[in-house]
Protein backbone atom coordinates (compact mmCIF):
# COMPACT_ATOMS: atom_id res chain seq x y z
CA MET A 1 -10.06 21.05 -1.37
CA ALA A 2 -9.22 21.15 2.36
CA ARG A 3 -5.81 19.57 1.94
CA PRO A 4 -3.60 18.38 -0.95
CA ARG A 5 -4.29 14.95 -2.44
CA PHE A 6 -1.60 12.91 -4.10
CA HIS A 7 -2.14 11.27 -7.46
CA LEU A 8 -0.14 8.16 -8.27
CA ALA A 9 -0.11 6.33 -11.66
CA PHE A 10 1.29 2.68 -11.83
CA PRO A 11 1.39 -0.22 -14.30
CA VAL A 12 -0.64 -3.26 -13.94
CA ARG A 13 -0.96 -6.45 -16.18
CA ASP A 14 -4.66 -6.77 -16.08
CA LEU A 15 -7.41 -4.28 -15.14
CA ASP A 16 -9.95 -6.80 -14.01
CA GLU A 17 -7.35 -8.33 -11.60
CA ALA A 18 -6.45 -4.78 -10.34
CA ARG A 19 -10.28 -4.03 -9.61
CA ALA A 20 -10.58 -7.28 -7.78
CA PHE A 21 -7.59 -6.46 -5.65
CA TYR A 22 -7.92 -2.72 -5.13
CA LYS A 23 -11.81 -2.75 -4.83
CA GLY A 24 -12.37 -6.25 -3.39
CA VAL A 25 -9.38 -6.64 -1.11
CA LEU A 26 -8.34 -3.06 -0.16
CA GLY A 27 -11.87 -1.68 -0.33
CA CYS A 28 -11.10 1.23 -2.76
CA ALA A 29 -14.02 2.79 -4.65
CA GLU A 30 -13.66 2.90 -8.28
CA GLY A 31 -13.75 6.15 -10.23
CA ARG A 32 -13.54 6.81 -13.98
CA SER A 33 -11.99 4.25 -16.29
CA SER A 34 -11.34 3.36 -19.84
CA ASP A 35 -10.10 0.21 -21.70
CA HIS A 36 -6.66 1.22 -20.60
CA TRP A 37 -6.84 2.57 -17.07
CA VAL A 38 -8.97 2.74 -13.89
CA ASP A 39 -9.03 5.29 -11.08
CA PHE A 40 -9.34 4.27 -7.56
CA ASP A 41 -10.05 6.30 -4.38
CA MET A 42 -7.53 5.20 -1.87
CA MET A 43 -8.32 7.08 1.24
CA ASP A 44 -9.26 10.22 -0.49
CA HIS A 45 -6.25 10.04 -2.77
CA GLN A 46 -6.32 9.18 -6.57
CA ILE A 47 -4.35 6.13 -7.74
CA VAL A 48 -4.54 4.99 -11.25
CA ALA A 49 -3.85 1.56 -12.60
CA HIS A 50 -2.53 1.74 -16.16
CA LEU A 51 -2.40 -1.31 -18.44
CA GLY A 52 1.12 -1.59 -19.39
CA ARG A 53 3.95 -3.87 -20.45
CA ASP A 54 6.27 -2.41 -17.82
CA ALA A 55 4.88 -4.16 -14.77
CA PRO A 56 7.24 -4.49 -11.83
CA GLY A 57 9.70 -7.21 -11.93
CA ALA A 58 12.73 -8.05 -9.70
CA GLU A 59 13.77 -4.95 -7.86
CA ALA A 60 16.28 -3.71 -5.27
CA THR A 61 15.67 -3.72 -1.60
CA SER A 62 16.87 -1.86 1.46
CA ASP A 63 17.58 -3.36 4.94
CA VAL A 64 15.15 -1.57 7.35
CA ASP A 65 15.03 -2.99 10.87
CA GLY A 66 16.19 -6.40 9.69
CA HIS A 67 13.79 -6.75 6.76
CA ALA A 68 14.42 -6.36 2.98
CA VAL A 69 11.98 -3.58 2.12
CA PRO A 70 11.22 -3.11 -1.56
CA LEU A 71 12.70 0.28 -2.58
CA ARG A 72 10.05 1.09 -4.90
CA HIS A 73 6.74 0.93 -3.11
CA PHE A 74 3.68 3.07 -2.13
CA GLY A 75 1.20 3.17 0.62
CA MET A 76 -0.55 4.86 3.38
CA ILE A 77 -0.13 5.99 6.95
CA LEU A 78 -3.19 5.02 8.68
CA ASP A 79 -4.59 5.57 12.22
CA TRP A 80 -3.73 2.62 14.48
CA ALA A 81 -7.16 1.25 14.71
CA ASP A 82 -7.56 1.50 10.90
CA TRP A 83 -4.29 -0.34 10.37
CA GLU A 84 -5.40 -3.18 12.70
CA SER A 85 -8.69 -3.39 10.75
CA LEU A 86 -6.88 -3.61 7.32
CA ARG A 87 -4.38 -6.02 8.74
CA ASP A 88 -7.28 -8.29 9.94
CA ARG A 89 -9.05 -7.99 6.54
CA LEU A 90 -5.82 -8.86 4.73
CA LEU A 91 -5.19 -11.76 6.92
CA ALA A 92 -8.80 -13.00 6.46
CA ALA A 93 -8.35 -12.73 2.73
CA GLY A 94 -5.24 -15.12 2.90
CA THR A 95 -2.98 -12.32 1.67
CA GLU A 96 0.64 -13.34 1.01
CA PHE A 97 2.80 -10.71 2.64
CA VAL A 98 6.35 -9.47 1.60
CA ILE A 99 6.74 -8.43 5.33
CA ALA A 100 4.15 -9.78 7.56
CA PRO A 101 2.26 -7.37 9.91
CA GLN A 102 4.57 -6.35 12.71
CA ILE A 103 5.77 -3.63 14.99
CA ARG A 104 8.98 -2.03 13.80
CA PHE A 105 11.32 0.06 15.95
CA ALA A 106 9.42 -1.19 19.03
CA GLY A 107 10.10 1.06 22.05
CA LYS A 108 12.11 3.57 19.87
CA THR A 109 11.61 6.80 18.18
CA GLY A 110 9.27 6.18 15.21
CA GLU A 111 7.73 3.07 16.62
CA GLN A 112 5.30 1.89 13.90
CA ALA A 113 3.04 -0.90 12.82
CA THR A 114 3.87 -1.93 9.23
CA MET A 115 3.11 -4.61 6.54
CA PHE A 116 4.14 -4.94 2.96
CA LEU A 117 2.33 -6.76 0.23
CA ARG A 118 2.19 -6.87 -3.61
CA ASP A 119 -0.81 -6.32 -5.79
CA PRO A 120 -1.45 -8.97 -8.56
CA SER A 121 0.90 -7.06 -10.89
CA GLY A 122 3.67 -7.13 -8.41
CA ASN A 123 3.52 -3.45 -7.19
CA ALA A 124 4.73 -3.20 -3.58
CA LEU A 125 2.45 -1.53 -1.04
CA GLU A 126 3.12 -0.61 2.51
CA PHE A 127 0.66 0.25 5.13
CA LYS A 128 1.74 1.53 8.45
CA ALA A 129 0.58 3.38 11.58
CA PHE A 130 2.48 5.24 14.27
CA ARG A 131 1.52 5.00 17.97
CA ASP A 132 2.59 8.62 18.16
CA GLU A 133 2.00 10.45 14.83
CA SER A 134 4.21 13.35 16.06
CA GLN A 135 7.09 10.90 15.35
CA ILE A 136 6.28 10.43 11.66
CA PHE A 137 9.31 12.57 10.70
CA ALA A 138 11.21 12.30 14.00
CA ALA A 139 15.06 11.76 13.64
């Protein structure tokens, strides 16, 4: 393994619905599965949708650049062109966004493209890209 990969497990209400979203909309390849869970390859990282009763519900948010960002979320930092490609695919699919695709902190340290959406079970996802990746952790 050339670099560490993360593994994230999260609850979903329906595995077929999760497959349709993660495979069909986001383009993640499916890995192993059972009647209770399914692995997905999200850009070389393993995410696992587990059938569960504790699906996300109402949750806290935090103000970031004038938007109510779901505190509990996961996502990926993409290359700028890959972010634009995913944005276009999600727009074409009629995706309902929590925070529509936009540029955050324009002209400032940490300028980034970002978008938030929810999967069918209500899990919040963020996809972002930095114009200058050296600013990912810049203060």
